[in-house]
C-alpha cells in the first residue's frame, strides 16, 4: 500500500466534520462503496482507485511517483448513518468505561450518604458516562476525579497501579484552618524540647505551669495502641493536659479506643455505628489501664481535624473533665471495616485502579451525622495563618488559660 494511502488511513474523524477525501491535485479518485468486516464490526467503506491526472503540459511525461499509482482502500466507520464515528477507538477506552461503570455501581450499592446529601446518582451517571466516552487517554482521570468529587466526601480516594492515594475533595473548613496550626509556633511556648514517639505520630512535653501537651498526627496502624501508655506515664503528674489534634485525617477505631478509655472512670456508650444500613451493636467503652487521668483536659480542634480525630473529640466531650476548644471539625463520618468483604472500603476496579468508598457511618451522641456537620467546640476560638505567621497560637493560649482557671 502506498505511503499516500497510509497517510489517509491515519486520519481520525470526528462528529464535527464529515470525511472529505483530500485532493493532492495530481491524482484522480474514483470512489466505490463496499461493505467490510473489521473485528466483527460491519462498516461501510470507500474504495478509491488512485490514478494520475495529467494536464496538457505534463501529457506524455513519465510520473515522478510511479509507485504511488494503483489502488488503495480507505475504510471510514459510520455510526448508523453518515459521519459520526471514529475510525480507531482511543486506547484503553473500553477499560475506562468498565472502571466508571464499576465505580458508579459500587457507590450506588454501598455509599450511605446519597440521600442525605441530595445527590441524584442517576443524573450523575448520565453526565459522566458521556464525558468518559469522550475522554481521550489520560483525560479519563480528570473526568474520574470530577466524578468522585461529586460525593463531596473527604474520605473518598482513588489510586492507580503504583500511584498514591488522590483525594478529589477536601472540606471547606479544612482549607480555612489548614495553616492555623504551626508546630514551630507551638514549640515556642515550651522551655524544653518536645519528645517525639518512635512512630513519629505524636510528640509531647510539659508546658510552664505543669500543663501537659500531646500532639497526635494520626490514629493509623497500631501506633497509639503501643505508645499511648508510655506517653501518659510521662504526663500523668501534670495539673492538666492539652491534646492537640488540629491536623488529623483518619485512622482506626482501635487507636481511638486506646486513647479515650484512659480518661474514663465509668463505662460510656459508644457513638452509634451503621454498616450498609444495619446498626452495629457494640458493648460500651470500659475504663482501661492501671490508672485514669482525671485532671482537666482540653481537646484542640479545627477544620482540619477529621475522621478518627472527630470521633475522638466527640467521645472525649462526654467526659466531665474535658472541654473542646478551637473551631468546628471538617465533617468526615464515613466508615468501613475489613471484617466482611461487603463492608470493605477499598474496592478494586476492573482496570486495576482502586477506589475507597465508605460503607458505613457514625452518628454523634446527639443523633446528628459527623458527615458534613463535624463536631463543634465548647469554646470557639479562631486561629488563622496570619496569627501563626506572627508567632501566636490563640487556641493554645486559650487552652492554657482554661486549665489554669480550673485550679
Protein backbone atom coordinates (compact mmCIF):
# COMPACT_ATOMS: atom_id res chain seq x y z
CA UNK A 1 0.00 0.00 0.00
CA UNK A 2 1.36 3.42 -0.91
CA UNK A 3 2.53 5.95 1.67
CA UNK A 4 -0.17 8.31 0.45
CA UNK A 5 -2.95 5.82 1.18
CA UNK A 6 -1.40 5.05 4.60
CA UNK A 7 -1.40 8.73 5.46
CA UNK A 8 -5.10 8.97 4.69
CA UNK A 9 -5.83 5.93 6.82
CA UNK A 10 -4.27 7.69 9.84
CA UNK A 11 -6.92 10.42 9.82
CA UNK A 12 -9.25 10.35 12.85
CA UNK A 13 -12.72 11.54 12.02
CA UNK A 14 -14.90 13.43 14.48
CA UNK A 15 -18.62 14.27 14.70
CA UNK A 16 -17.87 17.86 13.82
CA UNK A 17 -16.83 17.19 10.24
CA UNK A 18 -17.74 14.59 7.62
CA UNK A 19 -14.97 12.90 5.75
CA UNK A 20 -13.92 14.65 2.63
CA UNK A 21 -11.02 12.91 0.82
CA UNK A 22 -8.10 15.29 0.45
CA UNK A 23 -7.15 16.01 -3.10
CA UNK A 24 -3.46 16.07 -3.87
CA UNK A 25 -4.14 17.75 -7.18
CA UNK A 26 -2.06 15.33 -9.22
CA UNK A 27 -4.39 12.41 -8.67
CA UNK A 28 -7.96 11.47 -9.59
CA UNK A 29 -10.08 9.46 -7.13
CA UNK A 30 -12.84 7.11 -8.21
CA UNK A 31 -14.92 6.13 -5.15
CA UNK A 32 -16.57 2.71 -4.98
CA UNK A 33 -18.80 1.87 -1.98
CA UNK A 34 -18.30 -1.52 -0.38
CA UNK A 35 -19.14 -3.35 2.88
CA UNK A 36 -16.25 -4.50 5.09
CA UNK A 37 -15.97 -6.52 8.29
CA UNK A 38 -13.37 -5.47 10.89
CA UNK A 39 -13.16 -7.46 14.13
CA UNK A 40 -16.83 -8.32 13.84
CA UNK A 41 -17.95 -4.72 13.04
CA UNK A 42 -19.97 -4.30 9.83
CA UNK A 43 -18.88 -0.99 8.35
CA UNK A 44 -19.23 0.98 5.16
CA UNK A 45 -16.06 1.66 3.28
CA UNK A 46 -14.89 3.61 0.32
CA UNK A 47 -12.54 2.03 -2.15
CA UNK A 48 -10.61 4.69 -4.02
CA UNK A 49 -8.98 3.94 -7.30
CA UNK A 50 -5.98 6.25 -7.43
CA UNK A 51 -4.94 7.37 -10.91
CA UNK A 52 -2.66 10.13 -12.17
CA UNK A 53 -4.38 13.23 -13.51
CA UNK A 54 -2.22 14.85 -16.22
CA UNK A 55 -2.72 18.25 -17.68
CA UNK A 56 -1.71 19.24 -21.18
CA UNK A 57 1.75 20.31 -20.08
CA UNK A 58 2.55 17.00 -18.50
CA UNK A 59 0.95 14.80 -21.11
CA UNK A 60 3.36 12.14 -22.31
CA UNK A 61 5.80 12.72 -19.46
CA UNK A 62 6.64 9.91 -17.09
CA UNK A 63 5.42 10.23 -13.49
CA UNK A 64 7.90 11.04 -10.77
CA UNK A 65 5.91 8.84 -8.33
CA UNK A 66 5.12 5.63 -10.17
CA UNK A 67 4.96 3.56 -7.01
CA UNK A 68 2.05 5.59 -5.69
CA UNK A 69 -0.20 4.80 -8.59
CA UNK A 70 -2.54 1.93 -8.12
CA UNK A 71 -5.38 1.01 -5.87
CA UNK A 72 -5.73 1.83 -2.17
CA UNK A 73 -8.51 1.16 0.29
CA UNK A 74 -9.80 3.58 2.91
CA UNK A 75 -12.28 2.44 5.50
CA UNK A 76 -14.45 5.04 7.18
CA UNK A 77 -16.55 3.98 10.15
CA UNK A 78 -20.04 5.40 10.46
CA UNK A 79 -22.41 5.20 13.44
CA UNK A 80 -25.76 4.25 11.92
CA UNK A 81 -25.66 6.99 9.28
CA UNK A 82 -23.20 9.49 7.95
CA UNK A 83 -20.05 10.68 9.58
CA UNK A 84 -20.41 10.44 13.37
CA UNK A 85 -17.78 7.82 14.05
CA UNK A 86 -14.15 7.33 14.85
CA UNK A 87 -12.01 5.11 12.71
CA UNK A 88 -9.98 3.98 15.74
CA UNK A 89 -11.16 3.74 19.32
CA UNK A 90 -8.87 5.51 21.82
CA UNK A 91 -6.55 3.09 23.60
CA UNK A 92 -7.97 1.97 26.93
CA UNK A 93 -11.41 3.47 26.32
CA UNK A 94 -13.23 0.21 26.97
CA UNK A 95 -11.26 -0.32 30.22
CA UNK A 96 -12.01 3.23 31.38
CA UNK A 97 -15.70 2.76 30.68
CA UNK A 98 -15.71 -0.50 32.63
CA UNK A 99 -13.99 1.23 35.55
CA UNK A 100 -16.54 4.04 35.51
CA UNK A 101 -19.45 1.59 35.44
CA UNK A 102 -17.97 -0.46 38.29
CA UNK A 103 -17.32 2.65 40.40
CA UNK A 104 -20.81 4.02 39.81
CA UNK A 105 -22.38 0.69 40.76
CA UNK A 106 -20.21 0.30 43.87
CA UNK A 107 -21.20 3.73 45.12
CA UNK A 108 -24.85 3.09 44.27
CA UNK A 109 -24.76 -0.17 46.24
CA UNK A 110 -22.89 0.80 49.42
CA UNK A 111 -22.44 4.56 49.86
CA UNK A 112 -24.54 5.71 52.82
CA UNK A 113 -24.93 9.44 52.17
CA UNK A 114 -26.53 9.81 48.70
CA UNK A 115 -29.95 10.66 50.13
CA UNK A 116 -28.54 12.76 52.99
CA UNK A 117 -26.56 14.85 50.51
CA UNK A 118 -29.39 15.09 48.00
CA UNK A 119 -27.31 13.57 45.19
CA UNK A 120 -29.25 12.39 42.11
CA UNK A 121 -26.96 9.47 41.31
CA UNK A 122 -28.78 8.54 38.11
CA UNK A 123 -28.25 12.05 36.74
CA UNK A 124 -24.58 11.87 37.70
CA UNK A 125 -24.34 8.66 35.70
CA UNK A 126 -25.81 10.24 32.58
CA UNK A 127 -23.49 13.26 32.74
CA UNK A 128 -20.27 11.37 33.43
CA UNK A 129 -20.89 8.42 31.13
CA UNK A 130 -20.95 10.91 28.26
CA UNK A 131 -17.75 12.54 29.49
CA UNK A 132 -15.99 9.20 29.93
CA UNK A 133 -16.90 8.14 26.41
CA UNK A 134 -15.49 11.38 25.03
CA UNK A 135 -12.28 11.29 27.10
CA UNK A 136 -9.07 10.60 25.22
CA UNK A 137 -6.28 8.71 27.00
CA UNK A 138 -5.37 10.24 30.35
CA UNK A 139 -8.24 12.72 30.08
CA UNK A 140 -10.22 9.94 31.74
CA UNK A 141 -8.52 10.64 35.08
CA UNK A 142 -9.67 14.25 35.05
CA UNK A 143 -13.21 13.09 34.40
CA UNK A 144 -12.97 10.34 37.04
CA UNK A 145 -11.60 12.85 39.55
CA UNK A 146 -14.59 15.14 38.96
CA UNK A 147 -16.96 12.18 39.13
CA UNK A 148 -15.78 11.08 42.60
CA UNK A 149 -15.69 14.70 43.79
CA UNK A 150 -19.47 14.81 43.29
CA UNK A 151 -19.76 12.88 46.57
CA UNK A 152 -18.12 15.77 48.43
CA UNK A 153 -16.63 13.22 50.82
CA UNK A 154 -13.20 13.75 52.33
CA UNK A 155 -12.75 10.00 52.85
CA UNK A 156 -13.14 9.10 49.17
CA UNK A 157 -9.95 8.47 47.21
CA UNK A 158 -8.70 6.72 44.11
CA UNK A 159 -5.34 5.18 43.26
CA UNK A 160 -3.76 3.86 40.09
CA UNK A 161 -1.30 0.96 39.96
CA UNK A 162 1.89 2.12 41.62
CA UNK A 163 0.45 5.53 42.47
CA UNK A 164 -0.50 7.21 45.71
CA UNK A 165 -3.97 7.99 47.02
CA UNK A 166 -5.64 11.01 45.44
CA UNK A 167 -8.44 12.71 47.37
CA UNK A 168 -10.74 14.60 44.97
CA UNK A 169 -12.49 16.55 47.74
CA UNK A 170 -11.45 18.42 50.88
CA UNK A 171 -13.95 20.20 53.16
CA UNK A 172 -14.02 23.98 53.02
CA UNK A 173 -13.27 24.13 56.74
CA UNK A 174 -10.00 22.30 56.10
CA UNK A 175 -8.84 24.99 53.68
CA UNK A 176 -9.93 27.70 56.11
CA UNK A 177 -7.92 26.28 59.01
CA UNK A 178 -5.07 24.30 57.48
CA UNK A 179 -2.45 26.99 58.19
CA UNK A 180 -3.71 27.83 61.68
CA UNK A 181 -1.67 25.13 63.34
CA UNK A 182 2.09 25.60 63.11
CA UNK A 183 4.37 23.20 65.02
CA UNK A 184 7.15 25.77 65.26
CA UNK A 185 4.80 28.28 66.86
CA UNK A 186 3.58 25.63 69.31
CA UNK A 187 7.16 24.73 70.28
CA UNK A 188 7.89 28.36 71.07
CA UNK A 189 5.61 28.05 74.11
CA UNK A 190 7.90 25.41 75.68
CA UNK A 191 11.09 25.80 77.63
CA UNK A 192 12.26 22.29 76.66
CA UNK A 193 12.26 20.18 73.52
CA UNK A 194 9.19 18.08 72.79
CA UNK A 195 9.58 14.30 72.80
CA UNK A 196 8.74 12.53 69.54
CA UNK A 197 7.46 8.94 69.66
CA UNK A 198 9.24 6.18 67.77
CA UNK A 199 6.43 6.03 65.21
CA UNK A 200 6.58 9.82 64.86
CA UNK A 201 2.79 10.10 65.01
CA UNK A 202 2.90 12.01 68.30
CA UNK A 203 5.03 14.50 70.22
CA UNK A 204 4.58 15.57 73.80
CA UNK A 205 6.03 17.63 76.63
CA UNK A 206 5.21 19.79 79.64
CA UNK A 207 4.41 23.50 79.34
CA UNK A 208 5.28 26.07 82.01
CA UNK A 209 2.76 25.78 84.83
CA UNK A 210 2.96 21.96 84.78
CA UNK A 211 0.49 21.60 81.93
CA UNK A 212 0.93 18.55 79.75
CA UNK A 213 0.76 18.76 75.98
CA UNK A 214 0.28 16.00 73.40
CA UNK A 215 0.07 16.45 69.64
CA UNK A 216 -1.37 13.48 67.70
CA UNK A 217 -0.87 13.46 63.94
CA UNK A 218 -2.59 10.16 63.21
CA UNK A 219 -4.53 7.19 64.54
CA UNK A 220 -3.19 4.75 61.95
CA UNK A 221 -1.65 1.28 62.28
CA UNK A 222 -1.32 0.27 65.96
CA UNK A 223 0.96 3.12 66.98
CA UNK A 224 -1.17 4.59 69.75
CA UNK A 225 -2.18 1.15 70.99
CA UNK A 226 1.52 0.55 71.61
CA UNK A 227 2.71 4.04 72.53
CA UNK A 228 -0.06 5.91 74.34
CA UNK A 229 0.51 4.23 77.70
CA UNK A 230 4.12 5.45 77.75
CA UNK A 231 3.05 8.97 76.77
CA UNK A 232 0.50 9.12 79.58
CA UNK A 233 3.02 7.79 82.08
CA UNK A 234 5.23 10.77 81.27
CA UNK A 235 2.32 13.25 81.63
CA UNK A 236 0.34 11.67 84.47
CA UNK A 237 1.52 14.08 87.20
CA UNK A 238 0.64 17.26 85.31
CA UNK A 239 -2.10 19.61 86.51
CA UNK A 240 -3.90 19.45 83.20
CA UNK A 241 -3.47 18.12 79.68
CA UNK A 242 -3.89 19.59 76.21
CA UNK A 243 -4.46 17.07 73.41
CA UNK A 244 -3.87 18.76 70.08
CA UNK A 245 -5.50 17.08 67.05
CA UNK A 246 -5.73 20.07 64.73
CA UNK A 247 -4.06 18.29 61.79
CA UNK A 248 -5.72 14.88 61.77
CA UNK A 249 -7.02 12.90 58.78
CA UNK A 250 -8.06 9.44 59.91
CA UNK A 251 -7.17 6.12 61.45
CA UNK A 252 -8.53 3.07 63.23
CA UNK A 253 -11.22 2.76 65.87
CA UNK A 254 -8.86 0.65 68.00
CA UNK A 255 -6.38 3.52 68.31
CA UNK A 256 -9.18 5.89 69.27
CA UNK A 257 -10.28 3.46 71.96
CA UNK A 258 -6.71 3.13 73.28
CA UNK A 259 -6.71 6.89 73.95
CA UNK A 260 -10.21 7.74 75.18
CA UNK A 261 -10.59 4.87 77.65
CA UNK A 262 -7.64 6.15 79.70
CA UNK A 263 -9.73 9.18 80.69
CA UNK A 264 -12.92 7.30 81.67
CA UNK A 265 -13.86 6.39 85.22
CA UNK A 266 -17.03 4.52 84.25
CA UNK A 267 -18.49 2.79 81.16
CA UNK A 268 -19.62 5.00 78.30
CA UNK A 269 -21.94 4.16 75.42
CA UNK A 270 -20.30 4.35 72.02
CA UNK A 271 -21.39 6.60 69.17
CA UNK A 272 -23.85 4.65 67.02
CA UNK A 273 -22.29 2.81 64.09
CA UNK A 274 -24.07 1.56 60.97
CA UNK A 275 -22.86 -0.60 58.08
CA UNK A 276 -24.93 -0.95 54.92
CA UNK A 277 -27.92 0.37 56.84
CA UNK A 278 -27.55 -2.10 59.72
CA UNK A 279 -26.97 -0.89 63.29
CA UNK A 280 -23.88 -2.49 64.81
CA UNK A 281 -24.39 -3.16 68.50
CA UNK A 282 -21.04 -2.88 70.29
CA UNK A 283 -20.65 -3.04 74.08
CA UNK A 284 -19.87 0.27 75.84
CA UNK A 285 -16.37 1.60 76.34
CA UNK A 286 -14.75 0.49 79.57
CA UNK A 287 -12.03 2.32 81.52
CA UNK A 288 -8.65 0.81 80.72
CA UNK A 289 -5.11 0.89 82.04
CA UNK A 290 -3.66 0.91 85.55
CA UNK A 291 -4.98 4.42 86.27
CA UNK A 292 -7.23 7.08 84.74
CA UNK A 293 -6.24 10.67 84.01
CA UNK A 294 -8.89 12.83 85.68
CA UNK A 295 -7.27 16.26 85.69
CA UNK A 296 -8.72 18.95 83.35
CA UNK A 297 -8.26 18.11 79.66
CA UNK A 298 -8.58 20.31 76.60
CA UNK A 299 -9.02 18.92 73.09
CA UNK A 300 -7.75 21.38 70.47
CA UNK A 301 -9.65 21.06 67.17
CA UNK A 302 -10.18 22.94 63.93
CA UNK A 303 -11.45 22.39 60.38
CA UNK A 304 -8.50 20.12 59.59
CA UNK A 305 -9.49 17.71 62.38
CA UNK A 306 -11.10 14.86 60.51
CA UNK A 307 -12.46 11.32 60.75
CA UNK A 308 -10.88 9.48 63.72
CA UNK A 309 -9.91 12.85 65.17
CA UNK A 310 -13.56 13.88 65.16
CA UNK A 311 -14.65 10.60 66.73
CA UNK A 312 -12.05 11.08 69.47
CA UNK A 313 -13.28 14.62 70.10
CA UNK A 314 -16.94 13.63 70.30
CA UNK A 315 -16.22 10.79 72.74
CA UNK A 316 -13.95 12.91 74.93
CA UNK A 317 -16.53 15.70 75.07
CA UNK A 318 -18.83 13.34 77.01
CA UNK A 319 -16.37 13.21 79.91
CA UNK A 320 -16.80 15.72 82.74
CA UNK A 321 -13.17 16.92 82.85
CA UNK A 322 -12.90 17.57 79.08
CA UNK A 323 -13.52 20.73 77.06
CA UNK A 324 -13.05 21.19 73.31
CA UNK A 325 -11.51 24.48 72.18
CA UNK A 326 -10.96 25.75 68.66
CA UNK A 327 -13.30 25.54 65.68
CA UNK A 328 -15.72 23.06 64.12
CA UNK A 329 -14.08 19.96 62.67
CA UNK A 330 -14.01 19.00 58.99
CA UNK A 331 -17.03 16.70 58.90
CA UNK A 332 -15.94 13.20 57.87
CA UNK A 333 -18.29 10.48 59.06
CA UNK A 334 -17.78 7.59 56.63
CA UNK A 335 -16.53 4.26 57.96
CA UNK A 336 -15.52 0.86 56.64
CA UNK A 337 -14.41 -2.47 58.05
CA UNK A 338 -12.34 -5.40 56.83
CA UNK A 339 -14.28 -7.93 58.90
CA UNK A 340 -16.57 -8.68 55.93
CA UNK A 341 -15.92 -8.25 52.20
CA UNK A 342 -19.08 -6.20 51.66
CA UNK A 343 -18.02 -3.71 54.35
CA UNK A 344 -14.58 -3.02 52.93
CA UNK A 345 -13.92 0.50 51.78
CA UNK A 346 -11.13 -0.20 49.28
CA UNK A 347 -12.58 -1.57 46.05
CA UNK A 348 -10.65 -2.79 43.02
CA UNK A 349 -11.93 -1.73 39.62
CA UNK A 350 -11.66 -3.96 36.52
CA UNK A 351 -8.74 -1.94 35.12
CA UNK A 352 -6.65 -2.36 38.29
CA UNK A 353 -7.37 1.02 39.86
CA UNK A 354 -8.63 1.23 43.44
CA UNK A 355 -11.23 3.50 44.96
CA UNK A 356 -12.23 3.99 48.58
CA UNK A 357 -15.94 4.34 49.27
CA UNK A 358 -17.31 4.34 52.81
CA UNK A 359 -19.79 1.55 53.54
CA UNK A 360 -20.91 2.77 56.94
CA UNK A 361 -21.05 5.80 59.21
CA UNK A 362 -21.01 7.05 62.78
CA UNK A 363 -23.57 9.28 64.46
CA UNK A 364 -22.76 11.86 67.09
CA UNK A 365 -24.27 11.39 70.54
CA UNK A 366 -27.00 13.90 69.68
CA UNK A 367 -28.09 11.78 66.70
CA UNK A 368 -26.61 14.06 64.04
CA UNK A 369 -24.17 12.77 61.46
CA UNK A 370 -20.47 13.55 61.62
CA UNK A 371 -20.57 13.79 57.82
CA UNK A 372 -20.55 17.44 56.75
CA UNK A 373 -21.63 18.57 60.26
CA UNK A 374 -18.37 17.91 62.07
CA UNK A 375 -18.03 18.41 65.82
CA UNK A 376 -18.41 21.94 67.24
CA UNK A 377 -16.11 23.15 70.03
CA UNK A 378 -17.30 24.04 73.51
CA UNK A 379 -15.29 27.27 73.27
CA UNK A 380 -14.87 28.71 69.79
CA UNK A 381 -11.57 30.46 69.13
CA UNK A 382 -10.40 31.45 65.66
CA UNK A 383 -6.79 30.75 64.74
CA UNK A 384 -5.63 31.71 61.25
CA UNK A 385 -2.46 31.50 59.23
CA UNK A 386 -1.99 35.21 59.87
CA UNK A 387 -1.92 34.56 63.61
CA UNK A 388 0.60 31.76 63.15
CA UNK A 389 2.79 33.97 60.95
CA UNK A 390 3.02 36.38 63.89
CA UNK A 391 4.09 33.57 66.23
CA UNK A 392 0.73 33.45 68.00
CA UNK A 393 -1.45 30.41 68.74
CA UNK A 394 -4.69 31.80 70.16
CA UNK A 395 -6.28 28.39 70.57
CA UNK A 396 -3.33 27.03 72.54
CA UNK A 397 -3.23 30.16 74.70
CA UNK A 398 -6.96 29.81 75.43
CA UNK A 399 -6.44 26.18 76.39
CA UNK A 400 -3.63 27.07 78.78
CA UNK A 401 -5.76 29.78 80.37
CA UNK A 402 -8.75 27.47 80.73
CA UNK A 403 -6.72 24.78 82.53
CA UNK A 404 -5.18 27.34 84.88
CA UNK A 405 -8.65 28.65 85.68
CA UNK A 406 -9.79 25.19 86.84
CA UNK A 407 -7.30 25.23 89.73
